[in-house]
C-alpha atoms as a PDB file:
ATOM      1  CA  MET A   1      10.680  13.190   4.401  1.00  0.00           C
ATOM      2  CA  ASN A   2      13.850  11.636   3.607  1.00  0.00           C
ATOM      3  CA  LEU A   3      14.262   8.073   1.717  1.00  0.00           C
ATOM      4  CA  GLU A   4      14.883   6.146   4.875  1.00  0.00           C
ATOM      5  CA  GLN A   5      11.575   7.310   6.328  1.00  0.00           C
ATOM      6  CA  ALA A   6       9.775   6.710   3.147  1.00  0.00           C
ATOM      7  CA  THR A   7      10.931   2.977   3.263  1.00  0.00           C
ATOM      8  CA  LYS A   8      10.000   2.485   6.619  1.00  0.00           C
ATOM      9  CA  LEU A   9       6.382   3.874   5.924  1.00  0.00           C
ATOM     10  CA  ILE A  10       5.761   1.942   2.617  1.00  0.00           C
ATOM     11  CA  GLN A  11       6.341  -1.684   3.493  1.00  0.00           C
ATOM     12  CA  GLU A  12       5.631  -3.500   0.132  1.00  0.00           C
ATOM     13  CA  PRO A  13       3.333  -3.613  -2.819  1.00  0.00           C
ATOM     14  CA  TYR A  14       0.071  -5.486  -2.319  1.00  0.00           C
ATOM     15  CA  ILE A  15      -0.840  -7.554  -5.364  1.00  0.00           C
ATOM     16  CA  SER A  16      -4.048  -9.633  -5.810  1.00  0.00           C
ATOM     17  CA  GLU A  17      -6.944 -10.168  -8.241  1.00  0.00           C
ATOM     18  CA  LYS A  18      -8.969  -7.251  -7.048  1.00  0.00           C
ATOM     19  CA  VAL A  19      -6.007  -4.869  -6.874  1.00  0.00           C
ATOM     20  CA  SER A  20      -5.083  -5.653 -10.566  1.00  0.00           C
ATOM     21  CA  PHE A  21      -8.607  -5.105 -11.593  1.00  0.00           C
ATOM     22  CA  VAL A  22      -8.849  -1.892  -9.725  1.00  0.00           C
ATOM     23  CA  GLY A  23      -5.546  -0.761 -11.097  1.00  0.00           C
ATOM     24  CA  GLU A  24      -6.203  -1.268 -14.788  1.00  0.00           C
ATOM     25  CA  LYS A  25      -9.544   0.457 -14.493  1.00  0.00           C
ATOM     26  CA  ASN A  26      -8.641   3.522 -12.008  1.00  0.00           C
ATOM     27  CA  ASN A  27      -5.017   3.756 -12.378  1.00  0.00           C
ATOM     28  CA  GLN A  28      -4.375   2.599  -8.719  1.00  0.00           C
ATOM     29  CA  VAL A  29      -1.723   0.910  -6.967  1.00  0.00           C
ATOM     30  CA  ALA A  30      -1.989  -0.903  -3.635  1.00  0.00           C
ATOM     31  CA  PHE A  31       0.582  -0.861  -0.803  1.00  0.00           C
ATOM     32  CA  LYS A  32       0.896  -2.457   2.744  1.00  0.00           C
ATOM     33  CA  VAL A  33       1.785   0.729   4.861  1.00  0.00           C
ATOM     34  CA  ALA A  34       2.950   1.149   8.390  1.00  0.00           C
ATOM     35  CA  PRO A  35       0.083   1.202  10.908  1.00  0.00           C
ATOM     36  CA  ASP A  36       0.557   4.647  12.077  1.00  0.00           C
ATOM     37  CA  ALA A  37       0.877   5.962   8.457  1.00  0.00           C
ATOM     38  CA  THR A  38      -1.440   8.881   7.220  1.00  0.00           C
ATOM     39  CA  LYS A  39      -2.782   9.952   3.883  1.00  0.00           C
ATOM     40  CA  PRO A  40      -0.229  13.004   3.386  1.00  0.00           C
ATOM     41  CA  GLU A  41       2.700  10.907   4.617  1.00  0.00           C
ATOM     42  CA  ILE A  42       1.858   8.023   2.229  1.00  0.00           C
ATOM     43  CA  LYS A  43       1.274  10.443  -0.852  1.00  0.00           C
ATOM     44  CA  SER A  44       4.607  12.150  -0.080  1.00  0.00           C
ATOM     45  CA  ALA A  45       6.566   8.936   0.378  1.00  0.00           C
ATOM     46  CA  ILE A  46       5.266   7.279  -2.835  1.00  0.00           C
ATOM     47  CA  GLU A  47       6.197  10.416  -4.855  1.00  0.00           C
ATOM     48  CA  LYS A  48       9.525  10.357  -3.351  1.00  0.00           C
ATOM     49  CA  LEU A  49      10.279   6.806  -3.759  1.00  0.00           C
ATOM     50  CA  PHE A  50       8.827   6.353  -7.233  1.00  0.00           C
ATOM     51  CA  LYS A  51       9.040   9.583  -8.924  1.00  0.00           C
ATOM     52  CA  VAL A  52       5.299   9.825  -9.810  1.00  0.00           C
ATOM     53  CA  GLU A  53       2.525  12.329  -9.332  1.00  0.00           C
ATOM     54  CA  VAL A  54      -0.221  11.029  -6.766  1.00  0.00           C
ATOM     55  CA  THR A  55      -3.669  12.391  -7.085  1.00  0.00           C
ATOM     56  CA  GLY A  56      -5.297  10.605  -4.199  1.00  0.00           C
ATOM     57  CA  VAL A  57      -5.015   8.024  -1.468  1.00  0.00           C
ATOM     58  CA  SER A  58      -7.428   5.878   0.356  1.00  0.00           C
ATOM     59  CA  ILE A  59      -6.660   3.861   3.475  1.00  0.00           C
ATOM     60  CA  LEU A  60      -8.056   0.900   5.167  1.00  0.00           C
ATOM     61  CA  ASN A  61      -7.331  -1.304   7.997  1.00  0.00           C
ATOM     62  CA  VAL A  62      -7.432  -5.053   7.253  1.00  0.00           C
ATOM     63  CA  LYS A  63      -8.883  -6.551  10.558  1.00  0.00           C
ATOM     64  CA  PRO A  64      -7.093  -9.543  12.063  1.00  0.00           C
ATOM     65  CA  LYS A  65      -8.696 -12.936  11.130  1.00  0.00           C
ATOM     66  CA  ILE A  66      -9.291 -15.447  13.862  1.00  0.00           C
ATOM     67  CA  LYS A  67      -7.973 -18.941  13.200  1.00  0.00           C
ATOM     68  CA  ARG A  68      -8.006 -22.373  14.799  1.00  0.00           C
ATOM     69  CA  PHE A  69      -4.886 -24.142  15.570  1.00  0.00           C
ATOM     70  CA  ARG A  70      -6.115 -27.592  16.792  1.00  0.00           C
ATOM     71  CA  GLN A  71      -8.109 -27.001  20.031  1.00  0.00           C
ATOM     72  CA  ARG A  72      -6.884 -23.297  20.509  1.00  0.00           C
ATOM     73  CA  LEU A  73      -7.895 -20.148  18.684  1.00  0.00           C
ATOM     74  CA  GLY A  74      -5.270 -17.949  17.368  1.00  0.00           C
ATOM     75  CA  LYS A  75      -5.427 -14.675  15.743  1.00  0.00           C
ATOM     76  CA  ARG A  76      -3.502 -13.237  12.562  1.00  0.00           C
ATOM     77  CA  SER A  77      -2.201  -9.782  12.879  1.00  0.00           C
ATOM     78  CA  GLY A  78      -4.122  -6.917  11.218  1.00  0.00           C
ATOM     79  CA  TRP A  79      -2.286  -4.496   8.761  1.00  0.00           C
ATOM     80  CA  LYS A  80      -3.067  -1.390   6.903  1.00  0.00           C
ATOM     81  CA  LYS A  81      -3.537  -1.112   3.200  1.00  0.00           C
ATOM     82  CA  ALA A  82      -3.378   2.225   1.156  1.00  0.00           C
ATOM     83  CA  TYR A  83      -4.854   2.445  -2.581  1.00  0.00           C
ATOM     84  CA  VAL A  84      -2.869   5.016  -4.305  1.00  0.00           C
ATOM     85  CA  MET A  85      -4.310   6.791  -7.292  1.00  0.00           C
ATOM     86  CA  LEU A  86      -1.848   7.929  -9.865  1.00  0.00           C
ATOM     87  CA  ALA A  87      -2.206  10.788 -12.317  1.00  0.00           C
ATOM     88  CA  GLU A  88      -2.685  10.184 -15.781  1.00  0.00           C
ATOM     89  CA  GLY A  89       0.464   8.947 -17.842  1.00  0.00           C
ATOM     90  CA  ASN A  90       2.109   7.861 -14.583  1.00  0.00           C
ATOM     91  CA  ASP A  91       2.828   4.355 -13.881  1.00  0.00           C
ATOM     92  CA  ILE A  92       5.119   2.321 -11.236  1.00  0.00           C
ATOM     93  CA  ASP A  93       7.135  -0.541 -12.469  1.00  0.00           C
ATOM     94  CA  PHE A  94       7.845  -2.790  -9.669  1.00  0.00           C
ATOM     95  CA  THR A  95      10.394  -4.926 -11.641  1.00  0.00           C
ATOM     96  CA  LYS A  96      12.907  -2.232 -11.693  1.00  0.00           C
ATOM     97  CA  PRO A  97      14.994  -1.082  -8.584  1.00  0.00           C
ATOM     98  CA  ILE A  98      14.376   2.046  -6.975  1.00  0.00           C
END
């Protein structure tokens, strides 16, 4: 996997209160990923982009929400989230460029 494929696969880091709590406890980081991404592809992309050792990947599909816009119903788009477990001593710093 080259760098271009890895950047298309990993869209952006996902940061929330839950992710930061889990990240401190289990040394995990969450990312928004492409809808057709698989666990081995995500693992190799993270290792290539951030030069860290990944021990595990968990994937979940975030279902679309139905929202009301005036008298009509609308639907937000769904997306895929990946929790990446890093090996001991590895850390990803999002402030420095790749």
